[in-house]
PDB file of N, CA and C in Angstrom:
ATOM      1  N   MET A   1       0.831  -1.186   0.000  1.00  0.00           N
ATOM      2  CA  MET A   1       0.000   0.000   0.000  1.00  0.00           C
ATOM      3  C   MET A   1       0.872   1.245   0.000  1.00  0.00           C
ATOM      4  N   GLY A   2       1.837   1.308   0.910  1.00  0.00           N
ATOM      5  CA  GLY A   2       2.706   2.465   0.988  1.00  0.00           C
ATOM      6  C   GLY A   2       3.616   2.580  -0.210  1.00  0.00           C
ATOM      7  N   GLY A   3       3.994   1.434  -0.796  1.00  0.00           N
ATOM      8  CA  GLY A   3       4.885   1.445  -1.942  1.00  0.00           C
ATOM      9  C   GLY A   3       4.227   2.039  -3.173  1.00  0.00           C
ATOM     10  N   ALA A   4       2.897   1.990  -3.242  1.00  0.00           N
ATOM     11  CA  ALA A   4       2.191   2.502  -4.406  1.00  0.00           C
ATOM     12  C   ALA A   4       2.275   4.019  -4.503  1.00  0.00           C
ATOM     13  N   CYS A   5       2.443   4.702  -3.377  1.00  0.00           N
ATOM     14  CA  CYS A   5       2.495   6.154  -3.421  1.00  0.00           C
ATOM     15  C   CYS A   5       3.931   6.672  -3.340  1.00  0.00           C
ATOM     16  N   SER A   6       4.904   5.784  -3.515  1.00  0.00           N
ATOM     17  CA  SER A   6       6.303   6.168  -3.451  1.00  0.00           C
ATOM     18  C   SER A   6       6.917   6.145  -4.838  1.00  0.00           C
ATOM     19  N   PRO A   7       7.964   6.940  -5.049  1.00  0.00           N
ATOM     20  CA  PRO A   7       8.579   7.027  -6.370  1.00  0.00           C
ATOM     21  C   PRO A   7       9.516   5.855  -6.671  1.00  0.00           C
ATOM     22  N   GLY A   8       8.997   4.763  -7.214  1.00  0.00           N
ATOM     23  CA  GLY A   8       9.827   3.645  -7.651  1.00  0.00           C
ATOM     24  C   GLY A   8      10.428   2.850  -6.515  1.00  0.00           C
ATOM     25  N   PRO A   9      11.184   1.788  -6.879  1.00  0.00           N
ATOM     26  CA  PRO A   9      11.813   0.956  -5.864  1.00  0.00           C
ATOM     27  C   PRO A   9      13.042   1.637  -5.258  1.00  0.00           C
ATOM     28  N   GLY A  10      13.413   1.229  -4.077  1.00  0.00           N
ATOM     29  CA  GLY A  10      14.601   1.777  -3.431  1.00  0.00           C
ATOM     30  C   GLY A  10      14.350   2.095  -1.977  1.00  0.00           C
ATOM     31  N   TYR A  11      15.358   2.719  -1.364  1.00  0.00           N
ATOM     32  CA  TYR A  11      15.266   3.013   0.063  1.00  0.00           C
ATOM     33  C   TYR A  11      14.206   4.062   0.382  1.00  0.00           C
ATOM     34  N   LEU A  12      14.032   5.053  -0.483  1.00  0.00           N
ATOM     35  CA  LEU A  12      13.001   6.065  -0.254  1.00  0.00           C
ATOM     36  C   LEU A  12      11.616   5.419  -0.277  1.00  0.00           C
ATOM     37  N   ALA A  13      11.385   4.533  -1.239  1.00  0.00           N
ATOM     38  CA  ALA A  13      10.100   3.846  -1.335  1.00  0.00           C
ATOM     39  C   ALA A  13       9.894   2.942  -0.122  1.00  0.00           C
ATOM     40  N   GLY A  14      10.955   2.224   0.272  1.00  0.00           N
ATOM     41  CA  GLY A  14      10.853   1.343   1.432  1.00  0.00           C
ATOM     42  C   GLY A  14      10.566   2.102   2.707  1.00  0.00           C
ATOM     43  N   GLY A  15      11.262   3.206   2.911  1.00  0.00           N
ATOM     44  CA  GLY A  15      11.044   4.016   4.109  1.00  0.00           C
ATOM     45  C   GLY A  15       9.662   4.621   4.154  1.00  0.00           C
ATOM     46  N   SER A  16       9.201   5.131   3.017  1.00  0.00           N
ATOM     47  CA  SER A  16       7.870   5.737   3.015  1.00  0.00           C
ATOM     48  C   SER A  16       6.784   4.668   3.145  1.00  0.00           C
ATOM     49  N   ALA A  17       7.023   3.457   2.580  1.00  0.00           N
ATOM     50  CA  ALA A  17       6.051   2.369   2.741  1.00  0.00           C
ATOM     51  C   ALA A  17       5.932   1.973   4.207  1.00  0.00           C
ATOM     52  N   MET A  18       7.063   1.882   4.890  1.00  0.00           N
ATOM     53  CA  MET A  18       7.030   1.556   6.318  1.00  0.00           C
ATOM     54  C   MET A  18       6.317   2.644   7.107  1.00  0.00           C
ATOM     55  N   LEU A  19       6.606   3.895   6.787  1.00  0.00           N
ATOM     56  CA  LEU A  19       5.982   5.017   7.499  1.00  0.00           C
ATOM     57  C   LEU A  19       4.470   5.010   7.316  1.00  0.00           C
ATOM     58  N   VAL A  20       4.018   4.853   6.071  1.00  0.00           N
ATOM     59  CA  VAL A  20       2.577   4.838   5.809  1.00  0.00           C
ATOM     60  C   VAL A  20       1.914   3.661   6.522  1.00  0.00           C
ATOM     61  N   THR A  21       2.556   2.500   6.485  1.00  0.00           N
ATOM     62  CA  THR A  21       1.991   1.321   7.142  1.00  0.00           C
ATOM     63  C   THR A  21       1.889   1.514   8.645  1.00  0.00           C
ATOM     64  N   ILE A  22       2.935   2.049   9.264  1.00  0.00           N
ATOM     65  CA  ILE A  22       2.923   2.275  10.712  1.00  0.00           C
ATOM     66  C   ILE A  22       1.869   3.297  11.099  1.00  0.00           C
ATOM     67  N   VAL A  23       1.761   4.374  10.337  1.00  0.00           N
ATOM     68  CA  VAL A  23       0.755   5.404  10.631  1.00  0.00           C
ATOM     69  C   VAL A  23      -0.653   4.824  10.506  1.00  0.00           C
ATOM     70  N   LEU A  24      -0.892   4.026   9.458  1.00  0.00           N
ATOM     71  CA  LEU A  24      -2.215   3.414   9.306  1.00  0.00           C
ATOM     72  C   LEU A  24      -2.526   2.444  10.444  1.00  0.00           C
ATOM     73  N   MET A  25      -1.528   1.686  10.885  1.00  0.00           N
ATOM     74  CA  MET A  25      -1.764   0.772  12.003  1.00  0.00           C
ATOM     75  C   MET A  25      -2.109   1.549  13.268  1.00  0.00           C
ATOM     76  N   ILE A  26      -1.466   2.687  13.479  1.00  0.00           N
ATOM     77  CA  ILE A  26      -1.762   3.497  14.661  1.00  0.00           C
ATOM     78  C   ILE A  26      -3.147   4.114  14.551  1.00  0.00           C
ATOM     79  N   LEU A  27      -3.473   4.690  13.386  1.00  0.00           N
ATOM     80  CA  LEU A  27      -4.769   5.342  13.215  1.00  0.00           C
ATOM     81  C   LEU A  27      -5.932   4.353  13.281  1.00  0.00           C
ATOM     82  N   LEU A  28      -5.728   3.149  12.751  1.00  0.00           N
ATOM     83  CA  LEU A  28      -6.792   2.149  12.740  1.00  0.00           C
ATOM     84  C   LEU A  28      -6.780   1.267  13.976  1.00  0.00           C
ATOM     85  N   ASP A  29      -5.836   1.522  14.876  1.00  0.00           N
ATOM     86  CA  ASP A  29      -5.686   0.730  16.098  1.00  0.00           C
ATOM     87  C   ASP A  29      -5.601  -0.761  15.766  1.00  0.00           C
ATOM     88  N   ALA A  30      -4.799  -1.069  14.757  1.00  0.00           N
ATOM     89  CA  ALA A  30      -4.612  -2.449  14.308  1.00  0.00           C
ATOM     90  C   ALA A  30      -3.126  -2.784  14.386  1.00  0.00           C
ATOM     91  N   VAL A  31      -2.797  -3.732  15.231  1.00  0.00           N
ATOM     92  CA  VAL A  31      -1.399  -4.107  15.390  1.00  0.00           C
ATOM     93  C   VAL A  31      -1.123  -5.325  14.517  1.00  0.00           C
ATOM     94  N   HIS A  32      -0.253  -5.169  13.566  1.00  0.00           N
ATOM     95  CA  HIS A  32       0.108  -6.266  12.674  1.00  0.00           C
ATOM     96  C   HIS A  32       1.563  -6.080  12.237  1.00  0.00           C
ATOM     97  N   PRO A  33       2.521  -6.522  13.071  1.00  0.00           N
ATOM     98  CA  PRO A  33       3.939  -6.309  12.755  1.00  0.00           C
ATOM     99  C   PRO A  33       4.394  -6.822  11.390  1.00  0.00           C
ATOM    100  N   PRO A  34       3.877  -7.968  10.880  1.00  0.00           N
ATOM    101  CA  PRO A  34       4.318  -8.389   9.549  1.00  0.00           C
ATOM    102  C   PRO A  34       3.933  -7.413   8.435  1.00  0.00           C
ATOM    103  N   ALA A  35       2.962  -6.542   8.689  1.00  0.00           N
ATOM    104  CA  ALA A  35       2.559  -5.582   7.658  1.00  0.00           C
ATOM    105  C   ALA A  35       3.708  -4.659   7.284  1.00  0.00           C
ATOM    106  N   VAL A  36       4.523  -4.291   8.259  1.00  0.00           N
ATOM    107  CA  VAL A  36       5.644  -3.397   7.981  1.00  0.00           C
ATOM    108  C   VAL A  36       6.653  -4.094   7.076  1.00  0.00           C
ATOM    109  N   SER A  37       6.973  -5.337   7.380  1.00  0.00           N
ATOM    110  CA  SER A  37       7.952  -6.045   6.549  1.00  0.00           C
ATOM    111  C   SER A  37       7.390  -6.344   5.168  1.00  0.00           C
ATOM    112  N   THR A  38       6.094  -6.593   5.066  1.00  0.00           N
ATOM    113  CA  THR A  38       5.485  -6.824   3.760  1.00  0.00           C
ATOM    114  C   THR A  38       5.551  -5.560   2.912  1.00  0.00           C
ATOM    115  N   ALA A  39       5.222  -4.425   3.500  1.00  0.00           N
ATOM    116  CA  ALA A  39       5.300  -3.166   2.767  1.00  0.00           C
ATOM    117  C   ALA A  39       6.730  -2.881   2.337  1.00  0.00           C
ATOM    118  N   LEU A  40       7.671  -3.142   3.218  1.00  0.00           N
ATOM    119  CA  LEU A  40       9.075  -2.928   2.893  1.00  0.00           C
ATOM    120  C   LEU A  40       9.516  -3.858   1.769  1.00  0.00           C
ATOM    121  N   GLY A  41       9.109  -5.109   1.822  1.00  0.00           N
ATOM    122  CA  GLY A  41       9.478  -6.069   0.780  1.00  0.00           C
ATOM    123  C   GLY A  41       8.957  -5.670  -0.587  1.00  0.00           C
ATOM    124  N   PHE A  42       7.702  -5.234  -0.662  1.00  0.00           N
ATOM    125  CA  PHE A  42       7.153  -4.820  -1.949  1.00  0.00           C
ATOM    126  C   PHE A  42       7.801  -3.529  -2.439  1.00  0.00           C
ATOM    127  N   ALA A  43       8.155  -2.652  -1.541  1.00  0.00           N
ATOM    128  CA  ALA A  43       8.742  -1.376  -1.953  1.00  0.00           C
ATOM    129  C   ALA A  43      10.163  -1.535  -2.462  1.00  0.00           C
ATOM    130  N   LEU A  44      10.912  -2.488  -1.926  1.00  0.00           N
ATOM    131  CA  LEU A  44      12.306  -2.651  -2.336  1.00  0.00           C
ATOM    132  C   LEU A  44      12.488  -3.541  -3.564  1.00  0.00           C
ATOM    133  N   GLN A  45      11.432  -4.176  -4.037  1.00  0.00           N
ATOM    134  CA  GLN A  45      11.537  -5.008  -5.237  1.00  0.00           C
ATOM    135  C   GLN A  45      11.516  -4.121  -6.474  1.00  0.00           C
ATOM    136  N   ALA A  46      12.223  -4.571  -7.498  1.00  0.00           N
ATOM    137  CA  ALA A  46      12.213  -3.840  -8.760  1.00  0.00           C
ATOM    138  C   ALA A  46      10.805  -3.869  -9.343  1.00  0.00           C
ATOM    139  N   GLY A  47      10.425  -2.787 -10.006  1.00  0.00           N
ATOM    140  CA  GLY A  47       9.070  -2.687 -10.547  1.00  0.00           C
ATOM    141  C   GLY A  47       8.849  -3.582 -11.742  1.00  0.00           C
ATOM    142  N   SER A  48       8.212  -4.730 -11.525  1.00  0.00           N
ATOM    143  CA  SER A  48       7.852  -5.614 -12.631  1.00  0.00           C
ATOM    144  C   SER A  48       6.366  -5.914 -12.539  1.00  0.00           C
ATOM    145  N   PRO A  49       5.745  -6.284 -13.647  1.00  0.00           N
ATOM    146  CA  PRO A  49       4.305  -6.576 -13.616  1.00  0.00           C
ATOM    147  C   PRO A  49       3.957  -7.720 -12.661  1.00  0.00           C
ATOM    148  N   GLY A  50       4.885  -8.654 -12.437  1.00  0.00           N
ATOM    149  CA  GLY A  50       4.620  -9.755 -11.521  1.00  0.00           C
ATOM    150  C   GLY A  50       4.428  -9.294 -10.088  1.00  0.00           C
ATOM    151  N   ASN A  51       5.058  -8.183  -9.714  1.00  0.00           N
ATOM    152  CA  ASN A  51       4.920  -7.669  -8.356  1.00  0.00           C
ATOM    153  C   ASN A  51       3.498  -7.188  -8.078  1.00  0.00           C
ATOM    154  N   VAL A  52       2.835  -6.647  -9.097  1.00  0.00           N
ATOM    155  CA  VAL A  52       1.456  -6.197  -8.920  1.00  0.00           C
ATOM    156  C   VAL A  52       0.567  -7.407  -8.631  1.00  0.00           C
ATOM    157  N   PHE A  53       0.786  -8.491  -9.366  1.00  0.00           N
ATOM    158  CA  PHE A  53       0.014  -9.714  -9.127  1.00  0.00           C
ATOM    159  C   PHE A  53       0.256 -10.241  -7.714  1.00  0.00           C
ATOM    160  N   LEU A  54       1.523 -10.265  -7.286  1.00  0.00           N
ATOM    161  CA  LEU A  54       1.838 -10.735  -5.938  1.00  0.00           C
ATOM    162  C   LEU A  54       1.191  -9.852  -4.876  1.00  0.00           C
ATOM    163  N   PHE A  55       1.191  -8.548  -5.104  1.00  0.00           N
ATOM    164  CA  PHE A  55       0.572  -7.628  -4.149  1.00  0.00           C
ATOM    165  C   PHE A  55      -0.929  -7.881  -4.059  1.00  0.00           C
ATOM    166  N   VAL A  56      -1.582  -8.027  -5.203  1.00  0.00           N
ATOM    167  CA  VAL A  56      -3.027  -8.275  -5.206  1.00  0.00           C
ATOM    168  C   VAL A  56      -3.334  -9.623  -4.549  1.00  0.00           C
ATOM    169  N   LEU A  57      -2.497 -10.618  -4.818  1.00  0.00           N
ATOM    170  CA  LEU A  57      -2.675 -11.929  -4.194  1.00  0.00           C
ATOM    171  C   LEU A  57      -2.520 -11.836  -2.675  1.00  0.00           C
ATOM    172  N   ALA A  58      -1.495 -11.135  -2.211  1.00  0.00           N
ATOM    173  CA  ALA A  58      -1.287 -10.965  -0.769  1.00  0.00           C
ATOM    174  C   ALA A  58      -2.448 -10.197  -0.142  1.00  0.00           C
ATOM    175  N   LEU A  59      -2.941  -9.194  -0.831  1.00  0.00           N
ATOM    176  CA  LEU A  59      -4.078  -8.416  -0.333  1.00  0.00           C
ATOM    177  C   LEU A  59      -5.322  -9.297  -0.237  1.00  0.00           C
ATOM    178  N   GLY A  60      -5.540 -10.144  -1.239  1.00  0.00           N
ATOM    179  CA  GLY A  60      -6.688 -11.051  -1.224  1.00  0.00           C
ATOM    180  C   GLY A  60      -6.610 -12.059  -0.092  1.00  0.00           C
ATOM    181  N   VAL A  61      -5.430 -12.639   0.123  1.00  0.00           N
ATOM    182  CA  VAL A  61      -5.254 -13.599   1.215  1.00  0.00           C
ATOM    183  C   VAL A  61      -5.492 -12.922   2.556  1.00  0.00           C
ATOM    184  N   THR A  62      -4.996 -11.710   2.709  1.00  0.00           N
ATOM    185  CA  THR A  62      -5.202 -10.967   3.956  1.00  0.00           C
ATOM    186  C   THR A  62      -6.685 -10.684   4.187  1.00  0.00           C
ATOM    187  N   ALA A  63      -7.400 -10.312   3.133  1.00  0.00           N
ATOM    188  CA  ALA A  63      -8.839 -10.045   3.263  1.00  0.00           C
ATOM    189  C   ALA A  63      -9.599 -11.309   3.647  1.00  0.00           C
ATOM    190  N   VAL A  64      -9.235 -12.443   3.054  1.00  0.00           N
ATOM    191  CA  VAL A  64      -9.896 -13.709   3.393  1.00  0.00           C
ATOM    192  C   VAL A  64      -9.624 -14.080   4.846  1.00  0.00           C
ATOM    193  N   LEU A  65      -8.377 -13.944   5.287  1.00  0.00           N
ATOM    194  CA  LEU A  65      -8.048 -14.271   6.676  1.00  0.00           C
ATOM    195  C   LEU A  65      -8.760 -13.354   7.664  1.00  0.00           C
ATOM    196  N   ALA A  66      -8.846 -12.066   7.345  1.00  0.00           N
ATOM    197  CA  ALA A  66      -9.556 -11.135   8.230  1.00  0.00           C
ATOM    198  C   ALA A  66     -11.038 -11.480   8.289  1.00  0.00           C
ATOM    199  N   SER A  67     -11.616 -11.858   7.158  1.00  0.00           N
ATOM    200  CA  SER A  67     -13.034 -12.249   7.136  1.00  0.00           C
ATOM    201  C   SER A  67     -13.269 -13.515   7.950  1.00  0.00           C
ATOM    202  N   LEU A  68     -12.368 -14.486   7.827  1.00  0.00           N
ATOM    203  CA  LEU A  68     -12.495 -15.711   8.622  1.00  0.00           C
ATOM    204  C   LEU A  68     -12.398 -15.432  10.113  1.00  0.00           C
ATOM    205  N   GLN A  69     -11.503 -14.518  10.483  1.00  0.00           N
ATOM    206  CA  GLN A  69     -11.380 -14.175  11.899  1.00  0.00           C
ATOM    207  C   GLN A  69     -12.665 -13.529  12.414  1.00  0.00           C
ATOM    208  N   ARG A  70     -13.210 -12.600  11.656  1.00  0.00           N
ATOM    209  CA  ARG A  70     -14.450 -11.944  12.081  1.00  0.00           C
ATOM    210  C   ARG A  70     -15.602 -12.944  12.187  1.00  0.00           C
ATOM    211  N   ALA A  71     -15.668 -13.859  11.219  1.00  0.00           N
ATOM    212  CA  ALA A  71     -16.731 -14.861  11.248  1.00  0.00           C
ATOM    213  C   ALA A  71     -16.580 -15.786  12.455  1.00  0.00           C
ATOM    214  N   ALA A  72     -15.359 -16.165  12.780  1.00  0.00           N
ATOM    215  CA  ALA A  72     -15.127 -17.038  13.939  1.00  0.00           C
ATOM    216  C   ALA A  72     -15.491 -16.330  15.236  1.00  0.00           C
ATOM    217  N   VAL A  73     -15.127 -15.074  15.366  1.00  0.00           N
ATOM    218  CA  VAL A  73     -15.461 -14.319  16.579  1.00  0.00           C
ATOM    219  C   VAL A  73     -16.971 -14.151  16.694  1.00  0.00           C
ATOM    220  N   TRP A  74     -17.638 -13.855  15.578  1.00  0.00           N
ATOM    221  CA  TRP A  74     -19.089 -13.706  15.590  1.00  0.00           C
ATOM    222  C   TRP A  74     -19.757 -15.015  15.998  1.00  0.00           C
ATOM    223  N   LEU A  75     -19.274 -16.135  15.425  1.00  0.00           N
ATOM    224  CA  LEU A  75     -19.848 -17.438  15.738  1.00  0.00           C
ATOM    225  C   LEU A  75     -19.634 -17.806  17.204  1.00  0.00           C
ATOM    226  N   LEU A  76     -18.456 -17.568  17.727  1.00  0.00           N
ATOM    227  CA  LEU A  76     -18.192 -17.857  19.139  1.00  0.00           C
ATOM    228  C   LEU A  76     -19.066 -17.010  20.059  1.00  0.00           C
ATOM    229  N   ALA A  77     -19.225 -15.738  19.730  1.00  0.00           N
ATOM    230  CA  ALA A  77     -20.080 -14.870  20.548  1.00  0.00           C
ATOM    231  C   ALA A  77     -21.523 -15.355  20.507  1.00  0.00           C
ATOM    232  N   ARG A  78     -21.970 -15.784  19.363  1.00  0.00           N
ATOM    233  CA  ARG A  78     -23.346 -16.274  19.234  1.00  0.00           C
ATOM    234  C   ARG A  78     -23.540 -17.570  20.013  1.00  0.00           C
ATOM    235  N   LEU A  79     -22.571 -18.469  19.953  1.00  0.00           N
ATOM    236  CA  LEU A  79     -22.657 -19.721  20.705  1.00  0.00           C
ATOM    237  C   LEU A  79     -22.648 -19.476  22.202  1.00  0.00           C
ATOM    238  N   GLU A  80     -21.852 -18.515  22.648  1.00  0.00           N
ATOM    239  CA  GLU A  80     -21.806 -18.208  24.081  1.00  0.00           C
ATOM    240  C   GLU A  80     -23.111 -17.576  24.541  1.00  0.00           C
ATOM    241  N   ASP A  81     -23.734 -16.778  23.705  1.00  0.00           N
ATOM    242  CA  ASP A  81     -25.034 -16.188  24.066  1.00  0.00           C
ATOM    243  C   ASP A  81     -26.077 -17.275  24.239  1.00  0.00           C
ATOM    244  N   LYS A  82     -26.058 -18.288  23.376  1.00  0.00           N
ATOM    245  CA  LYS A  82     -27.024 -19.374  23.487  1.00  0.00           C
ATOM    246  C   LYS A  82     -26.772 -20.222  24.729  1.00  0.00           C
ATOM    247  N   ARG A  83     -25.485 -20.376  25.094  1.00  0.00           N
ATOM    248  CA  ARG A  83     -25.152 -21.159  26.284  1.00  0.00           C
ATOM    249  C   ARG A  83     -25.583 -20.444  27.561  1.00  0.00           C
ATOM    250  N   ALA A  84     -25.537 -19.128  27.557  1.00  0.00           N
ATOM    251  CA  ALA A  84     -25.857 -18.351  28.751  1.00  0.00           C
ATOM    252  C   ALA A  84     -27.348 -18.381  29.051  1.00  0.00           C
ATOM    253  N   VAL A  85     -28.149 -18.637  28.047  1.00  0.00           N
ATOM    254  CA  VAL A  85     -29.609 -18.624  28.237  1.00  0.00           C
ATOM    255  C   VAL A  85     -30.119 -19.886  28.816  1.00  0.00           C
TER     256      VAL A  85
END
């Protein structure tokens, strides 16, 4: 995410990707340490079309995992409500 708004691959892109990722984690109150290394990894890679596919794939996997977590928490809360009654 941060690498997309940075000028090409390199240390400037990596640093700004890390900064954007850390700021978003703070603002969204979401702690996810691997996000910083993922942003750094994508920012330091040379710009090839395959990197866009990898980024979209990683984003999709993250969205699926977040959805599964929310569904599991919702299901557990619902089961506990039924047990309490």
